[in-house]
Structures are given as C-alpha cells and as structure tokens.
C-alpha cells in the first residue's frame, strides 16, 4: 500500500518503460527515477542507495532529501503520500512534487535528438551555438551550428517565473517569450549568492517587446544559491535558472552579443514546409537589397509594412526620410553578410533577421550590424521593424 500510494501520487504511472537509456544531461533525473522505480518494486533498500548516491553528488538537492525522508519513514510504518511528514510546509512539498514530475517527464518523453527546432531557420557563421528554452518541459536545449543548420548537443532542467510566461510588465514574476541574445557575462565574484555561479543577462525587452509596450528588465540566465542544488519549475522572478553545475557546463556555449536564446511556451519542430518558407524569405531579403541598391525608392519602400517602426520613427517618417536621402545620391551599393534567420515563438509568420550591412554611396559609406523583423501577411513578407543590432 505504501509504495503504490507514494508512486501514484507522484508519477500517475509515468514510470512505465524506465529502462530506456537517457543522455548524460539527464543523469540526475535518471538516478531519481531509478530510486522511484525501486520504491514501486518494493525494494526500499535499493531506492535508499540510489538516493544516497544522488546526495553524495548533489548534497543540496532538496527533492532527493524529501524522497530519502519518505523512505526512512516507510521503514517505521506506512506513509500515505509523497512528502507526508508531519508539519511539513504544504507549499514547499507541492513545489518539490512539481519538480519530481517535471524531471521524470524529461526522462520519459525525450524528443528525438535528430529533430530540428523550427525556430532556427538559419544561423550565421559567428553563431557557434543557439539555445531554445521550452518552458512547458522546463528544459533548455543547446544546438550547435553545423553549416548554418542546428544540431542537438545537450539540454538542462531549468526554472522559470513563479507565474509562468508571457511577461508584460515590471515585477509580474513572468518569463518573457521571444527571441533574445546573451548581452553580458557576469562572474560570481560580482554577484549576490542568489545568482549562484554566474549570470548572463538577456536582451529583454527586445525591439518587439518595446513595440508592444512590454516593460521590465533584468531577465538573466543564472545559477542557484550556494545552499540549493535546484529550484522548482516555477520559482524565479522571471529569469531562467539552472543548477550551478549545469550553468557551468552551459557557459562554454555562450557568446556575448552573438548567442541567440529563444524562449517558447512549447518546442516546435521543423517540417517539410520550413525550408521553402525560409528560401522564399531569403529571396525577399535579397530583393530588398537589390531595390535599395538600384535607387528605386518606391520599390524599396514596398518591402515595408504600414505599421513599420524604427525605434521612434513610423512608416510615414521613414518614407519621407528615405526619399529625401536617396534623392541626393547618384549611386548606392549594399552588401549583406553573416545573415541569420530566427522564427519568433507565439507570433506566426514572424522572423528576426540579423546581418552585417556594408553600405556605400556617392556621399556616404558605413558598415553596421542590423536587425529586421519580417512578418508574412496575405502571403507577402514585409518589414515591421528595422534598426541597429
């Protein structure tokens, strides 16, 4: 009665097929699942040994202590639920139950590593890696750039905001959904203990967030306090939080100002239509470049949506400015390099395009990194934002 009640309250039958192998990034979850499998099989001695092994490696793993406490209580007499110790704080127990469920789901519903995320249409040569955070699975995926295409490397358990996702305002305890970039690398020596072994600020709010009046700041990838191995799936003020060991493993994949971090409510995998869509967009970007270079200002401006903006400049002001500037030039040359294309989560038909722009004309030359947001409406790609990256 003890083991059936304990396991069913925690897993609702998820342990079926636990013998399957898992990648190294799941080692904590695998050991935890082995312990719970042993409980299910009424092998409390084996279960206790597995939990002790976990605690030797991660001495601040609160969830493992909860399982061990239940096992020790079970030796003295039956317990009726997971974390049923007298006077245990209910909110803390529920948090740990949630963590157990999520960690075991990570092991038992692993996606095919050969699948490619739909968000990474094209990576430029400088972007050695890209991250995708699937908040529904409490998982951060790492992909390597192999000739512009993503290839799975590893993944990690993560914590997000207390109130979930879709950040809108300062202090709302939510994690933003969108396309962001690593802005800085803050070492442990410059941080309070709550941030753990390091922190990597992200570029929230991005251009789309600001266009939609979303406020707040300080969304980071960071670690856990020194007395905590990991946190429940929803426990941060909006940041994406990893165990310190995992953050240290993630660090070599992060390039300040370069690595994209896409945060989504649910991972979306690439299908057969994506390549055709990407190629059509790349052709449209090339046509935009050609129209600009040809000094055909009307054709160039047709690439811009009526709700276009560039920081504080709207479509009407942009049109007026470009016509005035181009009228003073006898020739223009525009070349693009290091083009990347990232689809935007929860915004169907919208992509973020980054590139290096080499511009020269009869009276001006410059080189800059630029960012555009393109959106497909009525089967036509148009620019809704453009500015320096």
Protein backbone atom coordinates (compact mmCIF):
# COMPACT_ATOMS: atom_id res chain seq x y z
CA UNK A 1 0.00 0.00 0.00
CA UNK A 2 2.84 2.35 0.85
CA UNK A 3 4.74 2.12 -2.41
CA UNK A 4 1.69 2.14 -4.67
CA UNK A 5 0.30 5.27 -2.98
CA UNK A 6 3.65 7.00 -2.93
CA UNK A 7 4.45 6.39 -6.58
CA UNK A 8 0.97 7.03 -7.94
CA UNK A 9 0.71 10.36 -6.14
CA UNK A 10 3.99 11.43 -7.66
CA UNK A 11 4.00 9.91 -11.12
CA UNK A 12 0.50 8.84 -12.13
CA UNK A 13 2.01 5.80 -13.86
CA UNK A 14 4.86 7.58 -15.68
CA UNK A 15 7.50 5.02 -14.74
CA UNK A 16 6.49 2.53 -17.42
CA UNK A 17 9.48 1.84 -19.65
CA UNK A 18 12.03 3.41 -17.31
CA UNK A 19 14.77 1.07 -18.55
CA UNK A 20 15.41 3.15 -21.67
CA UNK A 21 18.74 4.93 -21.81
CA UNK A 22 18.96 8.70 -21.47
CA UNK A 23 21.67 11.21 -22.46
CA UNK A 24 24.21 12.42 -19.91
CA UNK A 25 22.28 15.65 -19.42
CA UNK A 26 19.55 13.59 -17.76
CA UNK A 27 21.82 11.84 -15.21
CA UNK A 28 20.13 13.47 -12.20
CA UNK A 29 16.67 12.58 -13.47
CA UNK A 30 17.73 9.01 -14.28
CA UNK A 31 19.06 8.41 -10.78
CA UNK A 32 15.92 9.90 -9.26
CA UNK A 33 13.76 7.72 -11.47
CA UNK A 34 15.75 4.60 -10.55
CA UNK A 35 15.06 5.30 -6.91
CA UNK A 36 11.34 5.71 -7.52
CA UNK A 37 11.29 2.59 -9.70
CA UNK A 38 12.81 0.68 -6.80
CA UNK A 39 10.10 2.04 -4.50
CA UNK A 40 7.49 0.89 -6.98
CA UNK A 41 9.07 -2.58 -6.90
CA UNK A 42 9.07 -2.50 -3.08
CA UNK A 43 12.91 -2.55 -3.00
CA UNK A 44 13.37 0.17 -0.41
CA UNK A 45 17.00 -0.77 0.20
CA UNK A 46 17.89 -0.18 -3.46
CA UNK A 47 15.84 3.02 -3.50
CA UNK A 48 17.66 4.39 -0.47
CA UNK A 49 21.02 3.53 -2.01
CA UNK A 50 20.13 5.41 -5.23
CA UNK A 51 19.03 8.48 -3.25
CA UNK A 52 22.21 8.41 -1.15
CA UNK A 53 24.25 8.31 -4.36
CA UNK A 54 22.36 11.38 -5.61
CA UNK A 55 23.02 13.25 -2.37
CA UNK A 56 26.72 12.41 -2.42
CA UNK A 57 26.96 14.11 -5.81
CA UNK A 58 24.48 16.92 -5.05
CA UNK A 59 24.40 17.45 -1.27
CA UNK A 60 21.93 20.37 -1.54
CA UNK A 61 19.32 18.52 -3.63
CA UNK A 62 16.14 19.16 -1.62
CA UNK A 63 13.97 16.84 -3.69
CA UNK A 64 16.33 13.93 -3.02
CA UNK A 65 16.17 14.68 0.72
CA UNK A 66 12.38 14.56 0.54
CA UNK A 67 12.48 11.12 -1.11
CA UNK A 68 15.02 9.91 1.44
CA UNK A 69 12.88 11.18 4.30
CA UNK A 70 9.88 9.28 2.95
CA UNK A 71 11.97 6.13 2.62
CA UNK A 72 13.18 6.36 6.22
CA UNK A 73 9.62 6.95 7.43
CA UNK A 74 8.47 3.96 5.39
CA UNK A 75 10.77 1.71 7.40
CA UNK A 76 8.99 2.76 10.56
CA UNK A 77 5.47 2.48 9.16
CA UNK A 78 3.28 3.21 6.17
CA UNK A 79 3.04 6.76 4.84
CA UNK A 80 0.07 7.87 2.80
CA UNK A 81 1.58 10.33 0.36
CA UNK A 82 4.73 11.78 -1.14
CA UNK A 83 6.22 14.18 1.42
CA UNK A 84 3.76 13.28 4.18
CA UNK A 85 5.96 14.16 7.14
CA UNK A 86 4.09 15.86 9.96
CA UNK A 87 4.20 19.66 9.95
CA UNK A 88 5.88 19.75 6.52
CA UNK A 89 5.04 23.07 4.76
CA UNK A 90 2.46 22.22 2.10
CA UNK A 91 3.62 24.84 -0.40
CA UNK A 92 7.21 23.58 -0.28
CA UNK A 93 6.07 19.97 -0.66
CA UNK A 94 3.96 20.89 -3.70
CA UNK A 95 6.94 22.64 -5.25
CA UNK A 96 9.05 19.52 -4.83
CA UNK A 97 6.28 17.32 -6.22
CA UNK A 98 6.19 19.55 -9.29
CA UNK A 99 9.95 19.27 -9.68
CA UNK A 100 9.76 15.48 -9.42
CA UNK A 101 7.04 15.29 -12.07
CA UNK A 102 8.91 17.58 -14.48
CA UNK A 103 12.25 15.85 -14.03
CA UNK A 104 10.71 12.44 -14.66
CA UNK A 105 8.80 13.70 -17.66
CA UNK A 106 12.14 14.89 -19.08
CA UNK A 107 13.42 11.31 -18.95
CA UNK A 108 10.26 9.60 -20.09
CA UNK A 109 9.35 11.89 -23.00
CA UNK A 110 12.70 12.70 -24.58
CA UNK A 111 12.35 14.18 -28.08
CA UNK A 112 14.27 12.65 -30.96
CA UNK A 113 17.68 14.35 -30.95
CA UNK A 114 17.65 14.36 -34.75
CA UNK A 115 14.64 16.66 -34.85
CA UNK A 116 15.43 20.30 -35.62
CA UNK A 117 13.68 23.16 -33.86
CA UNK A 118 11.59 25.28 -36.18
CA UNK A 119 12.94 28.47 -34.61
CA UNK A 120 16.47 28.19 -36.05
CA UNK A 121 15.92 28.70 -39.78
CA UNK A 122 19.45 29.92 -40.43
CA UNK A 123 22.45 30.56 -38.18
CA UNK A 124 25.34 32.75 -39.29
CA UNK A 125 28.95 31.59 -39.18
CA UNK A 126 29.67 33.52 -35.95
CA UNK A 127 26.86 31.86 -34.02
CA UNK A 128 28.57 28.67 -32.90
CA UNK A 129 25.62 27.66 -30.75
CA UNK A 130 21.97 28.56 -30.19
CA UNK A 131 19.69 27.94 -27.20
CA UNK A 132 15.97 27.12 -27.16
CA UNK A 133 14.12 27.20 -23.83
CA UNK A 134 10.98 25.02 -23.81
CA UNK A 135 9.13 26.29 -20.74
CA UNK A 136 6.49 23.53 -20.94
CA UNK A 137 9.21 20.91 -20.36
CA UNK A 138 11.37 23.05 -18.05
CA UNK A 139 14.21 22.35 -20.47
CA UNK A 140 16.93 24.42 -22.12
CA UNK A 141 18.21 22.85 -25.36
CA UNK A 142 21.67 23.58 -26.79
CA UNK A 143 22.24 23.34 -30.55
CA UNK A 144 25.50 23.56 -32.46
CA UNK A 145 25.74 25.45 -35.73
CA UNK A 146 26.79 22.95 -38.41
CA UNK A 147 26.99 24.75 -41.75
CA UNK A 148 24.10 27.02 -40.78
CA UNK A 149 21.89 24.17 -39.54
CA UNK A 150 21.24 23.30 -35.87
CA UNK A 151 22.47 20.02 -34.41
CA UNK A 152 21.47 18.89 -30.90
CA UNK A 153 24.26 18.95 -28.30
CA UNK A 154 22.69 18.67 -24.85
CA UNK A 155 19.93 20.03 -22.62
CA UNK A 156 19.32 21.04 -19.00
CA UNK A 157 16.50 21.25 -16.46
CA UNK A 158 15.54 24.89 -15.80
CA UNK A 159 13.30 27.03 -13.60
CA UNK A 160 11.13 29.88 -14.92
CA UNK A 161 8.98 32.62 -13.37
CA UNK A 162 6.63 31.94 -10.47
CA UNK A 163 3.61 32.97 -12.54
CA UNK A 164 4.72 31.33 -15.78
CA UNK A 165 5.42 33.05 -19.09
CA UNK A 166 4.22 35.91 -21.32
CA UNK A 167 5.95 38.70 -19.41
CA UNK A 168 4.19 42.04 -19.86
CA UNK A 169 5.26 44.37 -17.07
CA UNK A 170 7.90 45.07 -14.44
CA UNK A 171 7.63 42.76 -11.45
CA UNK A 172 4.96 40.43 -12.86
CA UNK A 173 7.03 37.31 -11.95
CA UNK A 174 6.78 36.01 -15.53
CA UNK A 175 9.37 34.84 -18.03
CA UNK A 176 9.24 36.54 -21.45
CA UNK A 177 8.52 34.67 -24.68
CA UNK A 178 10.61 35.73 -27.65
CA UNK A 179 13.98 35.90 -29.40
CA UNK A 180 16.79 37.27 -27.24
CA UNK A 181 20.57 37.39 -27.19
CA UNK A 182 23.19 36.97 -24.45
CA UNK A 183 24.25 40.51 -23.51
CA UNK A 184 26.96 40.00 -20.88
CA UNK A 185 28.85 37.50 -18.72
CA UNK A 186 28.71 38.41 -15.02
CA UNK A 187 31.14 36.41 -12.87
CA UNK A 188 30.24 35.00 -9.46
CA UNK A 189 32.55 37.49 -7.75
CA UNK A 190 30.30 40.40 -8.83
CA UNK A 191 27.00 38.78 -7.84
CA UNK A 192 24.91 38.14 -4.76
CA UNK A 193 24.76 34.50 -3.65
CA UNK A 194 21.21 34.06 -5.00
CA UNK A 195 22.58 34.14 -8.57
CA UNK A 196 24.89 31.20 -7.95
CA UNK A 197 27.97 30.53 -10.05
CA UNK A 198 27.32 33.25 -12.63
CA UNK A 199 24.78 35.18 -14.68
CA UNK A 200 24.16 36.01 -18.34
CA UNK A 201 21.77 38.94 -18.87
CA UNK A 202 19.45 38.59 -21.87
CA UNK A 203 18.27 41.34 -24.23
CA UNK A 204 14.77 41.66 -22.77
CA UNK A 205 12.93 43.84 -23.64
CA UNK A 206 13.76 43.35 -27.30
CA UNK A 207 12.52 45.52 -30.16
CA UNK A 208 9.23 43.61 -30.46
CA UNK A 209 8.64 43.84 -26.69
CA UNK A 210 9.14 47.61 -26.77
CA UNK A 211 6.89 47.94 -29.82
CA UNK A 212 4.20 46.15 -27.79
CA UNK A 213 4.77 48.29 -24.66
CA UNK A 214 6.19 45.45 -22.54
CA UNK A 215 8.21 46.70 -19.60
CA UNK A 216 10.70 45.38 -17.07
CA UNK A 217 14.31 44.30 -17.31
CA UNK A 218 16.86 42.06 -15.63
CA UNK A 219 15.94 38.76 -17.29
CA UNK A 220 19.02 36.58 -16.89
CA UNK A 221 20.28 33.06 -17.24
CA UNK A 222 21.78 32.37 -13.81
CA UNK A 223 22.56 29.76 -11.17
CA UNK A 224 21.22 28.86 -7.74
CA UNK A 225 22.23 29.91 -4.20
CA UNK A 226 25.13 28.01 -2.64
CA UNK A 227 22.79 26.07 -0.31
CA UNK A 228 20.45 24.97 -3.12
CA UNK A 229 21.05 22.39 -5.84
CA UNK A 230 17.98 23.20 -7.93
CA UNK A 231 14.69 25.07 -7.70
CA UNK A 232 11.11 24.05 -8.56
CA UNK A 233 9.94 24.50 -12.17
CA UNK A 234 8.27 27.84 -11.35
CA UNK A 235 10.23 29.68 -8.70
CA UNK A 236 12.11 32.64 -10.20
CA UNK A 237 11.11 36.29 -10.59
CA UNK A 238 11.20 35.80 -14.37
CA UNK A 239 14.76 34.64 -15.01
CA UNK A 240 15.76 31.27 -16.46
CA UNK A 241 17.59 29.44 -13.65
CA UNK A 242 19.89 26.41 -13.85
CA UNK A 243 21.70 24.36 -11.22
CA UNK A 244 25.21 25.77 -10.78
CA UNK A 245 26.87 22.67 -12.24
CA UNK A 246 24.62 22.90 -15.28
CA UNK A 247 25.27 26.62 -15.70
CA UNK A 248 29.00 25.92 -15.63
CA UNK A 249 28.52 23.28 -18.35
CA UNK A 250 26.44 25.72 -20.38
CA UNK A 251 28.97 28.57 -20.16
CA UNK A 252 31.29 27.38 -23.00
CA UNK A 253 28.37 27.52 -25.42
CA UNK A 254 27.59 31.19 -24.74
CA UNK A 255 28.99 34.07 -26.81
CA UNK A 256 28.21 37.56 -25.56
CA UNK A 257 26.31 39.58 -28.15
CA UNK A 258 26.06 36.60 -30.50
CA UNK A 259 24.30 33.57 -28.99
CA UNK A 260 20.53 33.60 -29.58
CA UNK A 261 18.26 32.44 -26.76
CA UNK A 262 14.74 31.64 -27.94
CA UNK A 263 12.18 31.22 -25.15
CA UNK A 264 8.96 29.47 -26.13
CA UNK A 265 5.89 28.05 -24.42
CA UNK A 266 6.37 24.82 -26.33
CA UNK A 267 9.05 23.46 -28.64
CA UNK A 268 8.00 23.45 -32.29
CA UNK A 269 9.82 21.08 -34.63
CA UNK A 270 10.72 21.75 -38.24
CA UNK A 271 8.64 20.23 -41.03
CA UNK A 272 8.89 19.94 -44.79
CA UNK A 273 7.49 23.41 -45.44
CA UNK A 274 10.07 25.32 -43.44
CA UNK A 275 12.87 25.17 -45.99
CA UNK A 276 10.62 26.53 -48.75
CA UNK A 277 9.40 29.31 -46.43
CA UNK A 278 12.96 30.18 -45.44
CA UNK A 279 14.17 30.22 -49.04
CA UNK A 280 11.27 32.48 -50.06
CA UNK A 281 12.13 34.90 -47.26
CA UNK A 282 15.83 34.92 -48.18
CA UNK A 283 14.85 35.76 -51.75
CA UNK A 284 12.71 38.63 -50.46
CA UNK A 285 15.62 39.95 -48.39
CA UNK A 286 17.83 39.80 -51.46
CA UNK A 287 15.20 41.68 -53.48
CA UNK A 288 15.05 44.34 -50.75
CA UNK A 289 18.84 44.73 -51.06
CA UNK A 290 18.65 44.99 -54.84
CA UNK A 291 15.84 47.55 -54.78
CA UNK A 292 17.76 49.68 -52.32
CA UNK A 293 20.96 49.44 -54.38
CA UNK A 294 19.11 50.32 -57.59
CA UNK A 295 17.87 53.64 -56.12
CA UNK A 296 14.31 52.55 -56.95
CA UNK A 297 12.94 54.10 -53.77
CA UNK A 298 9.32 53.18 -54.41
CA UNK A 299 10.19 49.50 -54.94
CA UNK A 300 12.42 49.59 -51.85
CA UNK A 301 9.64 51.10 -49.70
CA UNK A 302 7.14 48.44 -50.80
CA UNK A 303 9.10 46.00 -48.61
CA UNK A 304 7.93 47.90 -45.50
CA UNK A 305 4.63 47.35 -43.70
CA UNK A 306 2.32 50.27 -42.93
CA UNK A 307 2.76 49.52 -39.22
CA UNK A 308 6.56 49.63 -39.60
CA UNK A 309 8.65 51.39 -37.00
CA UNK A 310 12.30 52.03 -36.33
CA UNK A 311 12.51 52.98 -32.68
CA UNK A 312 10.57 56.31 -32.62
CA UNK A 313 10.24 56.61 -36.42
CA UNK A 314 6.97 55.40 -38.00
CA UNK A 315 6.25 54.39 -41.61
CA UNK A 316 5.38 57.90 -42.80
CA UNK A 317 8.53 59.45 -41.33
CA UNK A 318 10.68 56.58 -42.65
CA UNK A 319 9.25 57.01 -46.16
CA UNK A 320 9.87 60.75 -46.15
CA UNK A 321 13.41 60.33 -44.85
CA UNK A 322 14.40 57.65 -47.38
CA UNK A 323 13.05 59.61 -50.33
CA UNK A 324 14.96 62.69 -49.21
CA UNK A 325 18.22 60.80 -48.61
CA UNK A 326 18.10 58.82 -51.87
CA UNK A 327 17.35 61.92 -53.95
CA UNK A 328 20.78 63.27 -53.03
CA UNK A 329 22.68 60.17 -54.25
CA UNK A 330 23.90 59.20 -57.70
CA UNK A 331 24.65 55.57 -56.76
CA UNK A 332 24.30 53.10 -53.85
CA UNK A 333 25.89 49.73 -53.16
CA UNK A 334 24.60 47.46 -50.39
CA UNK A 335 26.08 44.09 -49.44
CA UNK A 336 24.89 41.75 -46.68
CA UNK A 337 26.87 39.09 -44.84
CA UNK A 338 26.50 36.83 -41.77
CA UNK A 339 22.74 36.57 -42.21
CA UNK A 340 20.78 34.71 -39.53
CA UNK A 341 17.03 33.98 -39.53
CA UNK A 342 15.15 33.05 -36.33
CA UNK A 343 11.40 32.48 -36.24
CA UNK A 344 9.55 34.18 -33.39
CA UNK A 345 7.65 31.99 -30.91
CA UNK A 346 3.91 32.63 -30.48
CA UNK A 347 3.99 35.02 -33.48
CA UNK A 348 3.02 33.01 -36.59
CA UNK A 349 4.74 34.20 -39.73
CA UNK A 350 7.26 36.48 -37.99
CA UNK A 351 11.04 36.15 -38.09
CA UNK A 352 14.04 38.05 -36.73
CA UNK A 353 16.76 38.65 -39.32
CA UNK A 354 20.25 39.76 -38.31
CA UNK A 355 23.04 40.65 -40.72
CA UNK A 356 26.11 42.78 -41.26
CA UNK A 357 25.41 45.57 -43.74
CA UNK A 358 28.17 47.09 -45.86
CA UNK A 359 26.74 50.31 -47.31
CA UNK A 360 28.44 52.75 -49.65
CA UNK A 361 27.10 55.56 -51.81
CA UNK A 362 28.18 58.65 -53.70
CA UNK A 363 28.36 60.64 -50.44
CA UNK A 364 28.44 58.16 -47.52
CA UNK A 365 29.88 54.80 -46.51
CA UNK A 366 29.37 52.74 -43.37
CA UNK A 367 29.28 49.22 -42.01
CA UNK A 368 26.90 48.12 -39.26
CA UNK A 369 25.09 45.17 -37.70
CA UNK A 370 21.40 45.41 -38.41
CA UNK A 371 18.25 43.68 -37.21
CA UNK A 372 14.93 43.42 -39.01
CA UNK A 373 11.60 41.86 -38.07
CA UNK A 374 9.79 40.45 -41.10
CA UNK A 375 6.17 39.29 -40.97
CA UNK A 376 4.18 37.36 -43.56
CA UNK A 377 0.70 38.75 -44.20
CA UNK A 378 -1.58 37.84 -47.08
CA UNK A 379 1.19 35.60 -48.44
CA UNK A 380 3.65 38.52 -48.58
CA UNK A 381 6.75 39.18 -46.48
CA UNK A 382 7.17 42.75 -45.18
CA UNK A 383 9.40 44.53 -42.67
CA UNK A 384 7.73 45.70 -39.44
CA UNK A 385 10.90 46.82 -37.63
CA UNK A 386 14.45 47.77 -38.64
CA UNK A 387 17.34 49.09 -36.60
CA UNK A 388 20.88 48.60 -35.41
CA UNK A 389 21.56 45.28 -33.73
